[in-house]
């Protein structure tokens, strides 16, 4: 079972590397925030799964799941708050985006 845990840790590491690449590749802070939020959420999932598989203990597996759920919720809320504050502060978005799904104004 240890090999599955190590594979899971490897996936977690790959998603974290993807977050780092996203930070350096994307142009503005909004795109960087999206890359980091999504990649770290997936990385945390694989890390929690690896911890659960490595420990082979139900108590540790439940704790890892609860930590993952807490991180998943707080990451989405905090990134939303940072982006909203950036928009209200007047930080420009590079390129054209459509914030509305049906014929809304473009920025």
C-alpha atoms as a PDB file:
ATOM      1  CA  UNK A   1       0.000   0.000   0.000  1.00  0.00           C
ATOM      2  CA  UNK A   2       3.001   2.283   0.456  1.00  0.00           C
ATOM      3  CA  UNK A   3       3.553   2.445  -3.299  1.00  0.00           C
ATOM      4  CA  UNK A   4       0.071   3.924  -3.792  1.00  0.00           C
ATOM      5  CA  UNK A   5       0.795   6.517  -1.121  1.00  0.00           C
ATOM      6  CA  UNK A   6       4.047   7.466  -2.846  1.00  0.00           C
ATOM      7  CA  UNK A   7       2.255   7.736  -6.195  1.00  0.00           C
ATOM      8  CA  UNK A   8      -0.323   9.976  -4.561  1.00  0.00           C
ATOM      9  CA  UNK A   9       2.431  12.158  -3.073  1.00  0.00           C
ATOM     10  CA  UNK A  10       3.974  12.320  -6.547  1.00  0.00           C
ATOM     11  CA  UNK A  11       0.715  13.607  -8.028  1.00  0.00           C
ATOM     12  CA  UNK A  12       0.512  16.191  -5.244  1.00  0.00           C
ATOM     13  CA  UNK A  13       4.032  17.330  -6.080  1.00  0.00           C
ATOM     14  CA  UNK A  14       3.202  17.584  -9.799  1.00  0.00           C
ATOM     15  CA  UNK A  15       0.192  19.790  -9.107  1.00  0.00           C
ATOM     16  CA  UNK A  16       2.306  22.044  -6.893  1.00  0.00           C
ATOM     17  CA  UNK A  17       4.871  22.339  -9.671  1.00  0.00           C
ATOM     18  CA  UNK A  18       1.984  23.282 -11.967  1.00  0.00           C
ATOM     19  CA  UNK A  19       1.014  26.059  -9.566  1.00  0.00           C
ATOM     20  CA  UNK A  20       4.559  27.417  -9.611  1.00  0.00           C
ATOM     21  CA  UNK A  21       4.618  27.333 -13.413  1.00  0.00           C
ATOM     22  CA  UNK A  22       1.259  29.130 -13.470  1.00  0.00           C
ATOM     23  CA  UNK A  23       2.590  31.886 -11.232  1.00  0.00           C
ATOM     24  CA  UNK A  24       5.486  32.542 -13.578  1.00  0.00           C
ATOM     25  CA  UNK A  25       3.615  32.003 -16.853  1.00  0.00           C
ATOM     26  CA  UNK A  26       0.381  33.967 -16.455  1.00  0.00           C
ATOM     27  CA  UNK A  27       0.262  37.715 -16.992  1.00  0.00           C
ATOM     28  CA  UNK A  28      -1.824  39.296 -14.271  1.00  0.00           C
ATOM     29  CA  UNK A  29      -2.660  38.573 -10.676  1.00  0.00           C
ATOM     30  CA  UNK A  30      -6.135  37.296 -11.416  1.00  0.00           C
ATOM     31  CA  UNK A  31      -4.876  34.526 -13.658  1.00  0.00           C
ATOM     32  CA  UNK A  32      -2.130  33.698 -11.180  1.00  0.00           C
ATOM     33  CA  UNK A  33      -4.677  33.496  -8.373  1.00  0.00           C
ATOM     34  CA  UNK A  34      -6.780  31.041 -10.370  1.00  0.00           C
ATOM     35  CA  UNK A  35      -3.792  28.840 -11.193  1.00  0.00           C
ATOM     36  CA  UNK A  36      -2.616  28.703  -7.605  1.00  0.00           C
ATOM     37  CA  UNK A  37      -6.080  28.077  -6.138  1.00  0.00           C
ATOM     38  CA  UNK A  38      -6.969  25.235  -8.481  1.00  0.00           C
ATOM     39  CA  UNK A  39      -3.559  23.572  -8.400  1.00  0.00           C
ATOM     40  CA  UNK A  40      -3.218  23.694  -4.623  1.00  0.00           C
ATOM     41  CA  UNK A  41      -6.731  22.313  -4.169  1.00  0.00           C
ATOM     42  CA  UNK A  42      -5.888  19.322  -6.343  1.00  0.00           C
ATOM     43  CA  UNK A  43      -2.494  18.957  -4.698  1.00  0.00           C
ATOM     44  CA  UNK A  44      -4.051  18.933  -1.251  1.00  0.00           C
ATOM     45  CA  UNK A  45      -6.494  16.221  -2.352  1.00  0.00           C
ATOM     46  CA  UNK A  46      -3.674  13.947  -3.510  1.00  0.00           C
ATOM     47  CA  UNK A  47      -1.642  14.716  -0.402  1.00  0.00           C
ATOM     48  CA  UNK A  48      -4.559  13.871   1.918  1.00  0.00           C
ATOM     49  CA  UNK A  49      -5.167  10.652  -0.006  1.00  0.00           C
ATOM     50  CA  UNK A  50      -1.484   9.764   0.297  1.00  0.00           C
ATOM     51  CA  UNK A  51      -1.532  10.400   4.047  1.00  0.00           C
ATOM     52  CA  UNK A  52      -4.615   8.223   4.427  1.00  0.00           C
ATOM     53  CA  UNK A  53      -3.040   5.410   2.405  1.00  0.00           C
ATOM     54  CA  UNK A  54       0.325   5.663   4.127  1.00  0.00           C
ATOM     55  CA  UNK A  55      -1.013   5.683   7.674  1.00  0.00           C
ATOM     56  CA  UNK A  56      -3.573   2.882   7.193  1.00  0.00           C
ATOM     57  CA  UNK A  57      -5.362   4.250  10.245  1.00  0.00           C
ATOM     58  CA  UNK A  58      -8.995   5.355  10.089  1.00  0.00           C
ATOM     59  CA  UNK A  59      -8.434   8.179  12.587  1.00  0.00           C
ATOM     60  CA  UNK A  60      -5.587   9.663  10.563  1.00  0.00           C
ATOM     61  CA  UNK A  61      -7.537   9.230   7.334  1.00  0.00           C
ATOM     62  CA  UNK A  62     -10.524  11.115   8.771  1.00  0.00           C
ATOM     63  CA  UNK A  63      -8.243  13.884  10.030  1.00  0.00           C
ATOM     64  CA  UNK A  64      -6.602  14.178   6.615  1.00  0.00           C
ATOM     65  CA  UNK A  65     -10.043  14.369   4.975  1.00  0.00           C
ATOM     66  CA  UNK A  66     -11.177  17.071   7.410  1.00  0.00           C
ATOM     67  CA  UNK A  67      -8.005  19.098   6.792  1.00  0.00           C
ATOM     68  CA  UNK A  68      -8.575  18.776   3.048  1.00  0.00           C
ATOM     69  CA  UNK A  69     -12.207  19.910   3.314  1.00  0.00           C
ATOM     70  CA  UNK A  70     -11.244  22.857   5.518  1.00  0.00           C
ATOM     71  CA  UNK A  71      -8.527  23.901   3.064  1.00  0.00           C
ATOM     72  CA  UNK A  72     -10.872  23.482   0.101  1.00  0.00           C
ATOM     73  CA  UNK A  73     -13.482  25.789   1.614  1.00  0.00           C
ATOM     74  CA  UNK A  74     -11.095  28.420   2.961  1.00  0.00           C
ATOM     75  CA  UNK A  75      -9.024  28.521  -0.230  1.00  0.00           C
ATOM     76  CA  UNK A  76     -12.044  29.316  -2.379  1.00  0.00           C
ATOM     77  CA  UNK A  77     -13.336  31.950   0.023  1.00  0.00           C
ATOM     78  CA  UNK A  78      -9.974  33.643   0.506  1.00  0.00           C
ATOM     79  CA  UNK A  79      -9.155  33.753  -3.209  1.00  0.00           C
ATOM     80  CA  UNK A  80     -12.609  35.196  -3.916  1.00  0.00           C
ATOM     81  CA  UNK A  81     -12.025  37.895  -1.310  1.00  0.00           C
ATOM     82  CA  UNK A  82      -8.592  38.789  -2.710  1.00  0.00           C
ATOM     83  CA  UNK A  83      -9.910  39.041  -6.283  1.00  0.00           C
ATOM     84  CA  UNK A  84     -12.926  41.092  -5.193  1.00  0.00           C
ATOM     85  CA  UNK A  85     -10.696  43.476  -3.235  1.00  0.00           C
ATOM     86  CA  UNK A  86      -8.381  43.772  -6.250  1.00  0.00           C
ATOM     87  CA  UNK A  87     -11.298  44.611  -8.544  1.00  0.00           C
ATOM     88  CA  UNK A  88     -12.640  47.194  -6.101  1.00  0.00           C
ATOM     89  CA  UNK A  89      -9.161  48.713  -5.754  1.00  0.00           C
ATOM     90  CA  UNK A  90      -9.096  49.251  -9.507  1.00  0.00           C
ATOM     91  CA  UNK A  91      -6.410  46.755 -10.500  1.00  0.00           C
ATOM     92  CA  UNK A  92      -6.845  46.172 -14.214  1.00  0.00           C
ATOM     93  CA  UNK A  93      -7.413  42.815 -15.859  1.00  0.00           C
ATOM     94  CA  UNK A  94      -5.245  42.142 -18.907  1.00  0.00           C
ATOM     95  CA  UNK A  95      -7.217  41.346 -22.025  1.00  0.00           C
ATOM     96  CA  UNK A  96     -10.968  41.190 -22.498  1.00  0.00           C
ATOM     97  CA  UNK A  97     -13.162  39.202 -20.172  1.00  0.00           C
ATOM     98  CA  UNK A  98     -16.896  38.761 -19.962  1.00  0.00           C
ATOM     99  CA  UNK A  99     -18.032  38.706 -16.353  1.00  0.00           C
ATOM    100  CA  UNK A 100     -21.607  37.923 -17.332  1.00  0.00           C
ATOM    101  CA  UNK A 101     -22.886  34.880 -19.150  1.00  0.00           C
ATOM    102  CA  UNK A 102     -25.552  36.556 -21.261  1.00  0.00           C
ATOM    103  CA  UNK A 103     -24.540  39.685 -23.126  1.00  0.00           C
ATOM    104  CA  UNK A 104     -23.027  41.579 -20.238  1.00  0.00           C
ATOM    105  CA  UNK A 105     -20.574  44.414 -20.368  1.00  0.00           C
ATOM    106  CA  UNK A 106     -16.988  43.608 -21.305  1.00  0.00           C
ATOM    107  CA  UNK A 107     -13.997  45.075 -19.541  1.00  0.00           C
END
